[in-house]
N, C-alpha and C. Protein backbone atom coordinates (compact mmCIF):
# COMPACT_ATOMS: atom_id res chain seq x y z
N MET A 1 -64.40 176.08 67.92
CA MET A 1 -65.60 175.73 67.12
C MET A 1 -66.50 176.24 67.69
N ILE A 2 -67.34 176.94 66.68
CA ILE A 2 -68.53 177.61 67.28
C ILE A 2 -69.77 177.16 66.59
N LYS A 3 -71.11 177.32 67.28
CA LYS A 3 -72.36 176.79 66.55
C LYS A 3 -72.68 177.81 65.35
N THR A 4 -72.95 177.38 64.20
CA THR A 4 -73.14 178.09 63.19
C THR A 4 -74.56 178.66 63.09
N SER A 5 -74.64 180.03 62.76
CA SER A 5 -75.81 180.75 62.69
C SER A 5 -76.51 180.44 61.29
N LEU A 6 -77.82 180.71 61.12
CA LEU A 6 -78.54 180.66 59.90
C LEU A 6 -77.67 181.54 58.89
N ILE A 7 -77.40 182.59 59.04
CA ILE A 7 -76.64 183.47 58.12
C ILE A 7 -75.34 183.00 57.76
N ASP A 8 -74.51 182.30 58.51
CA ASP A 8 -73.37 181.80 58.25
C ASP A 8 -73.49 180.37 57.52
N ALA A 9 -74.67 179.59 58.09
CA ALA A 9 -74.98 178.12 57.30
C ALA A 9 -75.20 178.73 55.94
N LEU A 10 -75.96 179.67 55.56
CA LEU A 10 -76.36 180.07 54.24
C LEU A 10 -75.14 180.23 53.48
N LYS A 11 -74.06 180.99 54.10
CA LYS A 11 -72.75 181.06 53.20
C LYS A 11 -71.89 179.87 53.18
N TYR A 12 -71.96 178.99 54.21
CA TYR A 12 -71.10 177.93 54.15
C TYR A 12 -71.60 176.75 53.25
N ILE A 13 -72.83 176.56 52.97
CA ILE A 13 -73.53 175.21 52.31
C ILE A 13 -73.15 175.36 51.02
N LYS A 14 -72.72 176.49 50.40
CA LYS A 14 -72.32 176.43 48.93
C LYS A 14 -71.13 175.92 48.73
N ASP A 15 -70.33 175.54 49.87
CA ASP A 15 -68.93 175.03 49.59
C ASP A 15 -69.06 173.50 50.08
N ASP A 16 -70.22 172.91 50.48
CA ASP A 16 -70.53 171.57 51.08
C ASP A 16 -70.28 170.55 49.68
N PRO A 17 -69.24 169.75 49.76
CA PRO A 17 -68.93 168.84 48.70
C PRO A 17 -69.67 167.41 48.86
N VAL A 18 -70.11 167.23 49.89
CA VAL A 18 -70.80 166.16 50.33
C VAL A 18 -72.39 166.10 50.21
N ARG A 19 -73.05 166.95 50.85
CA ARG A 19 -74.53 167.05 50.84
C ARG A 19 -75.00 168.42 50.74
N PRO A 20 -74.67 168.96 49.48
CA PRO A 20 -75.25 170.36 49.16
C PRO A 20 -76.68 170.57 49.06
N SER A 21 -77.32 169.40 48.93
CA SER A 21 -78.92 169.59 48.71
C SER A 21 -79.72 169.76 50.05
N ILE A 22 -78.90 169.64 51.19
CA ILE A 22 -79.80 169.68 52.59
C ILE A 22 -79.62 171.30 52.74
N PRO A 23 -80.89 171.83 52.82
CA PRO A 23 -80.92 173.34 53.16
C PRO A 23 -80.35 173.84 54.56
N ALA A 24 -79.87 174.94 54.50
CA ALA A 24 -79.25 175.60 55.70
C ALA A 24 -80.37 175.53 56.97
N ARG A 25 -81.54 175.92 56.76
CA ARG A 25 -82.50 175.88 57.92
C ARG A 25 -82.53 174.42 58.42
N THR A 26 -82.56 173.40 57.48
CA THR A 26 -82.60 172.01 58.12
C THR A 26 -81.40 171.90 58.92
N ARG A 27 -80.18 172.21 58.57
CA ARG A 27 -78.91 171.84 59.30
C ARG A 27 -78.71 172.37 60.73
N ILE A 28 -79.70 173.39 61.07
CA ILE A 28 -79.54 173.98 62.26
C ILE A 28 -80.76 174.04 63.13
N LYS A 29 -81.67 173.10 62.88
CA LYS A 29 -82.99 172.93 63.68
C LYS A 29 -83.21 171.54 64.25
N ASN A 30 -84.09 171.50 65.12
CA ASN A 30 -84.27 170.12 65.94
C ASN A 30 -83.03 169.47 66.40
N ASN A 31 -82.95 168.18 65.82
CA ASN A 31 -81.83 167.42 66.21
C ASN A 31 -80.52 167.54 65.27
N PHE A 32 -80.67 168.71 64.44
CA PHE A 32 -79.50 169.09 63.58
C PHE A 32 -78.67 170.34 64.01
N GLU A 33 -77.34 170.08 64.05
CA GLU A 33 -76.41 171.24 64.36
C GLU A 33 -75.20 171.29 63.34
N MET A 34 -74.79 172.45 63.38
CA MET A 34 -73.84 172.82 62.35
C MET A 34 -72.77 173.60 63.19
N TYR A 35 -71.43 173.37 62.97
CA TYR A 35 -70.37 174.08 63.61
C TYR A 35 -69.21 174.57 62.73
N ASN A 36 -68.71 175.49 62.97
CA ASN A 36 -67.48 176.05 62.02
C ASN A 36 -66.49 176.59 62.96
N THR A 37 -65.36 176.65 62.21
CA THR A 37 -64.02 177.36 62.71
C THR A 37 -63.86 178.23 61.57
N LYS A 38 -62.64 178.88 61.47
CA LYS A 38 -62.20 179.55 60.42
C LYS A 38 -61.77 178.83 59.28
N GLU A 39 -61.62 177.53 59.55
CA GLU A 39 -60.98 176.63 58.47
C GLU A 39 -61.65 175.45 58.01
N ALA A 40 -62.91 175.22 59.02
CA ALA A 40 -63.65 173.73 58.63
C ALA A 40 -64.94 174.03 58.95
N VAL A 41 -65.84 173.36 58.53
CA VAL A 41 -67.27 173.03 58.86
C VAL A 41 -67.60 171.63 58.90
N ILE A 42 -68.59 171.38 60.18
CA ILE A 42 -68.91 169.99 60.20
C ILE A 42 -70.60 170.13 60.40
N CYS A 43 -71.28 169.11 60.06
CA CYS A 43 -72.70 169.00 60.05
C CYS A 43 -73.06 167.74 61.07
N ILE A 44 -73.76 167.74 62.02
CA ILE A 44 -74.18 166.84 62.81
C ILE A 44 -75.77 166.59 62.91
N ALA A 45 -76.05 165.48 63.07
CA ALA A 45 -77.61 165.13 63.42
C ALA A 45 -77.32 164.32 64.69
N PHE A 46 -78.31 164.49 65.52
CA PHE A 46 -78.11 163.62 66.85
C PHE A 46 -79.40 162.75 66.78
N CYS A 47 -79.11 161.49 66.40
CA CYS A 47 -80.21 160.57 65.82
C CYS A 47 -80.49 159.34 66.91
N ASP A 48 -81.76 158.67 66.49
CA ASP A 48 -81.84 157.44 67.35
C ASP A 48 -81.45 156.22 66.74
N LYS A 49 -81.19 156.15 65.42
CA LYS A 49 -80.46 154.90 64.84
C LYS A 49 -79.45 155.65 63.77
N ILE A 50 -78.71 154.87 63.10
CA ILE A 50 -77.64 155.09 62.26
C ILE A 50 -78.49 155.20 60.64
N PRO A 51 -78.41 156.56 60.19
CA PRO A 51 -79.03 156.65 58.78
C PRO A 51 -77.94 156.07 57.70
N ILE A 52 -78.69 155.51 56.71
CA ILE A 52 -77.84 155.18 55.50
C ILE A 52 -78.17 155.99 54.20
N THR A 53 -79.17 156.75 54.40
CA THR A 53 -79.61 157.49 53.24
C THR A 53 -79.75 159.04 53.66
N GLU A 54 -79.86 159.98 52.85
CA GLU A 54 -80.25 161.28 53.24
C GLU A 54 -81.74 161.37 53.68
N GLU A 55 -82.64 160.45 53.03
CA GLU A 55 -83.84 160.51 53.50
C GLU A 55 -83.87 159.97 55.17
N ASP A 56 -83.32 158.74 55.35
CA ASP A 56 -83.16 158.23 56.57
C ASP A 56 -82.69 159.45 57.59
N LEU A 57 -81.65 160.25 57.26
CA LEU A 57 -81.01 161.17 58.13
C LEU A 57 -82.14 162.35 58.32
N LEU A 58 -82.77 162.72 57.17
CA LEU A 58 -83.77 163.86 57.40
C LEU A 58 -85.07 163.48 58.11
N ASN A 59 -85.34 162.17 58.27
CA ASN A 59 -86.44 161.70 58.86
C ASN A 59 -86.31 161.20 60.23
N SER A 60 -84.98 161.35 60.66
CA SER A 60 -84.51 160.68 62.01
C SER A 60 -85.11 161.40 63.14
N LYS A 61 -85.32 160.57 64.14
CA LYS A 61 -85.67 161.12 65.47
C LYS A 61 -84.54 161.54 66.37
N GLU A 62 -84.81 162.35 67.43
CA GLU A 62 -83.74 162.76 68.16
C GLU A 62 -83.14 161.67 69.00
N GLY A 63 -81.88 161.52 69.16
CA GLY A 63 -81.34 160.15 69.97
C GLY A 63 -79.89 160.52 70.31
N LYS A 64 -79.34 159.46 70.82
CA LYS A 64 -77.87 159.68 71.45
C LYS A 64 -76.83 158.99 70.51
N ILE A 65 -77.02 159.06 69.21
CA ILE A 65 -76.00 158.53 68.31
C ILE A 65 -75.58 159.99 67.51
N ALA A 66 -74.52 160.56 67.41
CA ALA A 66 -74.04 161.66 66.72
C ALA A 66 -73.60 161.28 65.22
N VAL A 67 -74.10 161.59 64.37
CA VAL A 67 -73.94 161.24 62.95
C VAL A 67 -73.33 162.51 62.38
N PHE A 68 -72.19 162.32 61.92
CA PHE A 68 -71.47 163.25 61.15
C PHE A 68 -71.64 163.09 59.75
N TYR A 69 -72.52 163.89 59.13
CA TYR A 69 -72.92 163.62 57.88
C TYR A 69 -72.32 164.52 56.73
N SER A 70 -71.63 165.61 57.12
CA SER A 70 -70.79 166.31 56.09
C SER A 70 -69.81 167.12 57.08
N VAL A 71 -68.60 167.13 56.28
CA VAL A 71 -67.35 167.82 56.83
C VAL A 71 -66.61 168.34 55.67
N TRP A 72 -66.19 169.48 55.81
CA TRP A 72 -65.26 170.09 54.65
C TRP A 72 -64.26 171.10 55.37
N SER A 73 -63.20 171.23 54.79
CA SER A 73 -62.18 172.22 55.29
C SER A 73 -61.49 173.07 54.22
N TYR A 74 -61.23 174.17 54.58
CA TYR A 74 -60.44 175.29 53.71
C TYR A 74 -58.94 175.15 53.77
N ASN A 75 -58.39 174.43 54.74
CA ASN A 75 -56.95 174.13 54.98
C ASN A 75 -56.54 172.98 55.37
N LYS A 76 -55.54 172.37 54.90
CA LYS A 76 -55.07 170.97 55.27
C LYS A 76 -55.12 170.75 56.83
N GLY A 77 -55.54 169.75 57.36
CA GLY A 77 -55.73 169.40 58.59
C GLY A 77 -56.87 170.03 59.28
N ALA A 78 -57.48 170.97 58.90
CA ALA A 78 -58.67 171.43 59.48
C ALA A 78 -59.92 170.58 59.63
N GLY A 79 -60.14 169.60 58.67
CA GLY A 79 -61.07 168.57 58.83
C GLY A 79 -60.80 167.77 60.01
N ARG A 80 -59.68 167.29 59.99
CA ARG A 80 -59.42 166.39 61.25
C ARG A 80 -59.55 166.99 62.56
N SER A 81 -59.16 168.13 62.72
CA SER A 81 -59.46 169.03 63.89
C SER A 81 -60.81 169.30 64.38
N ILE A 82 -61.55 169.36 63.30
CA ILE A 82 -63.02 169.80 63.82
C ILE A 82 -63.79 168.52 63.86
N VAL A 83 -63.39 167.30 63.25
CA VAL A 83 -64.06 166.22 63.66
C VAL A 83 -63.67 165.73 65.16
N PHE A 84 -62.42 166.04 65.59
CA PHE A 84 -62.09 165.43 67.06
C PHE A 84 -62.89 166.65 67.96
N GLU A 85 -62.86 167.90 67.65
CA GLU A 85 -63.68 168.92 68.50
C GLU A 85 -65.18 168.37 68.40
N ALA A 86 -65.66 167.96 67.40
CA ALA A 86 -67.03 167.44 67.37
C ALA A 86 -67.30 166.18 68.12
N LEU A 87 -66.45 165.34 68.15
CA LEU A 87 -66.50 164.18 68.87
C LEU A 87 -66.55 164.39 70.47
N ASP A 88 -65.61 165.56 70.81
CA ASP A 88 -65.65 165.96 72.39
C ASP A 88 -67.00 166.59 72.63
N LEU A 89 -67.49 167.42 71.72
CA LEU A 89 -68.84 168.09 71.89
C LEU A 89 -69.90 166.91 72.08
N ALA A 90 -70.02 166.06 71.20
CA ALA A 90 -71.04 165.00 71.26
C ALA A 90 -70.78 164.21 72.62
N LYS A 91 -69.55 163.87 73.07
CA LYS A 91 -69.45 163.13 74.19
C LYS A 91 -69.97 164.02 75.47
N GLU A 92 -69.84 165.26 75.28
CA GLU A 92 -70.28 166.11 76.43
C GLU A 92 -71.91 166.24 76.42
N LYS A 93 -72.51 165.90 75.20
CA LYS A 93 -73.90 166.09 75.16
C LYS A 93 -74.52 164.83 75.51
N GLY A 94 -73.68 163.80 75.91
CA GLY A 94 -74.22 162.30 76.36
C GLY A 94 -74.34 161.40 75.28
N CYS A 95 -73.89 161.69 74.04
CA CYS A 95 -73.97 160.71 72.97
C CYS A 95 -73.34 159.45 73.36
N GLU A 96 -73.87 158.39 72.84
CA GLU A 96 -73.32 156.95 73.20
C GLU A 96 -72.51 156.34 71.80
N ARG A 97 -72.76 157.09 70.71
CA ARG A 97 -71.94 156.39 69.42
C ARG A 97 -71.78 157.60 68.64
N PHE A 98 -70.74 157.50 67.82
CA PHE A 98 -70.35 158.60 67.03
C PHE A 98 -69.94 157.94 65.63
N VAL A 99 -70.78 158.23 64.60
CA VAL A 99 -70.73 157.65 63.23
C VAL A 99 -70.84 158.64 62.16
N THR A 100 -70.56 158.17 61.16
CA THR A 100 -70.54 158.87 59.99
C THR A 100 -71.66 158.57 58.84
N MET A 101 -72.15 159.41 58.00
CA MET A 101 -72.82 158.86 56.89
C MET A 101 -71.98 159.32 55.70
N SER A 102 -70.84 158.89 55.29
CA SER A 102 -69.85 159.08 54.33
C SER A 102 -70.25 158.87 52.91
N PRO A 103 -69.81 159.75 52.04
CA PRO A 103 -69.93 159.28 50.59
C PRO A 103 -69.00 157.94 50.26
N LYS A 104 -69.28 157.28 49.32
CA LYS A 104 -68.47 155.98 48.98
C LYS A 104 -67.31 156.47 48.06
N THR A 105 -66.47 157.36 48.61
CA THR A 105 -65.35 157.74 47.95
C THR A 105 -63.94 157.17 48.64
N THR A 106 -62.85 157.13 47.78
CA THR A 106 -61.67 156.65 48.51
C THR A 106 -61.09 157.76 49.33
N MET A 107 -61.33 158.90 48.93
CA MET A 107 -61.10 160.21 49.92
C MET A 107 -61.59 160.05 51.29
N ALA A 108 -63.04 159.96 51.32
CA ALA A 108 -63.69 159.70 52.57
C ALA A 108 -63.09 158.46 53.42
N GLU A 109 -63.04 157.47 52.80
CA GLU A 109 -62.61 156.28 53.52
C GLU A 109 -61.18 156.61 54.01
N LYS A 110 -60.27 156.92 53.32
CA LYS A 110 -58.78 157.32 53.74
C LYS A 110 -58.94 158.20 54.99
N PHE A 111 -59.73 159.17 54.85
CA PHE A 111 -59.89 160.24 55.90
C PHE A 111 -60.24 159.70 57.25
N HIS A 112 -61.27 158.91 57.05
CA HIS A 112 -61.82 158.37 58.44
C HIS A 112 -60.81 157.16 59.10
N ILE A 113 -60.52 156.49 58.28
CA ILE A 113 -59.65 155.41 58.55
C ILE A 113 -58.20 155.78 59.35
N ARG A 114 -57.80 156.86 58.65
CA ARG A 114 -56.44 157.42 58.98
C ARG A 114 -56.76 158.23 60.37
N ASN A 115 -58.05 158.70 60.66
CA ASN A 115 -58.41 159.20 61.86
C ASN A 115 -58.90 158.46 62.92
N GLY A 116 -58.91 157.21 62.68
CA GLY A 116 -59.03 156.17 63.81
C GLY A 116 -60.59 155.44 63.76
N ALA A 117 -61.22 155.94 62.81
CA ALA A 117 -62.61 155.43 62.72
C ALA A 117 -62.59 153.81 62.00
N LYS A 118 -63.48 153.23 62.37
CA LYS A 118 -63.67 151.75 61.65
C LYS A 118 -65.03 151.72 60.76
N LEU A 119 -64.84 151.11 59.73
CA LEU A 119 -66.02 150.83 58.76
C LEU A 119 -67.00 149.82 59.27
N ILE A 120 -68.02 150.19 59.79
CA ILE A 120 -69.28 149.39 60.48
C ILE A 120 -70.03 148.92 59.35
N LYS A 121 -70.29 149.46 58.26
CA LYS A 121 -71.51 149.16 57.46
C LYS A 121 -71.09 149.92 55.83
N GLU A 122 -71.24 149.08 54.79
CA GLU A 122 -71.38 149.42 53.52
C GLU A 122 -72.67 149.64 53.06
N ASN A 123 -73.07 150.52 52.50
CA ASN A 123 -74.35 150.68 51.89
C ASN A 123 -74.57 151.15 50.50
N ASN A 124 -75.50 151.09 49.87
CA ASN A 124 -75.52 151.51 48.21
C ASN A 124 -75.00 152.66 48.08
N MET A 125 -75.12 153.82 48.80
CA MET A 125 -74.86 155.14 48.42
C MET A 125 -73.90 155.90 49.50
N THR A 126 -73.80 154.96 50.75
CA THR A 126 -72.89 155.77 51.79
C THR A 126 -72.05 154.54 52.39
N ASN A 127 -71.31 154.81 53.27
CA ASN A 127 -70.59 154.20 54.35
C ASN A 127 -70.69 154.71 55.62
N ASN A 128 -70.87 153.70 56.51
CA ASN A 128 -70.84 154.28 57.97
C ASN A 128 -69.72 153.84 58.63
N PHE A 129 -68.91 154.77 59.24
CA PHE A 129 -67.69 154.62 59.94
C PHE A 129 -68.13 155.05 61.43
N GLU A 130 -67.40 154.44 62.29
CA GLU A 130 -67.62 154.79 63.82
C GLU A 130 -66.28 155.17 64.34
N TYR A 131 -66.31 156.22 65.25
CA TYR A 131 -65.43 156.53 66.06
C TYR A 131 -65.55 156.21 67.42
N ILE A 132 -64.54 155.51 68.19
CA ILE A 132 -64.59 155.23 69.51
C ILE A 132 -64.10 156.16 70.24
């Protein structure tokens, strides 16, 4: 897993099925980071509280909560792999919590539950799952 450059972010975001409206420059500045492998991409914000909307996310202050706000893969199983690599990275960075800001879809719910996350909050537009 490598940190995504602006040039690569511009290429990858066209494939983002979750949050395509967040600009590439936003995904790689301040408390936002983006990582990729040849098979998957993950976007992470390091926040001081758990966001429930894109507005909350974009206005977040830097903190010790790793928020996985978008993940997609190009091959089966690659999404799972990049999430676990991102968990390890966030732990190395000193994060204390690891949560998602997921779309309210059956696919997202099954993905996170199957990978060991617990639903901690249902919101109008998103669900927050937590990895321990």
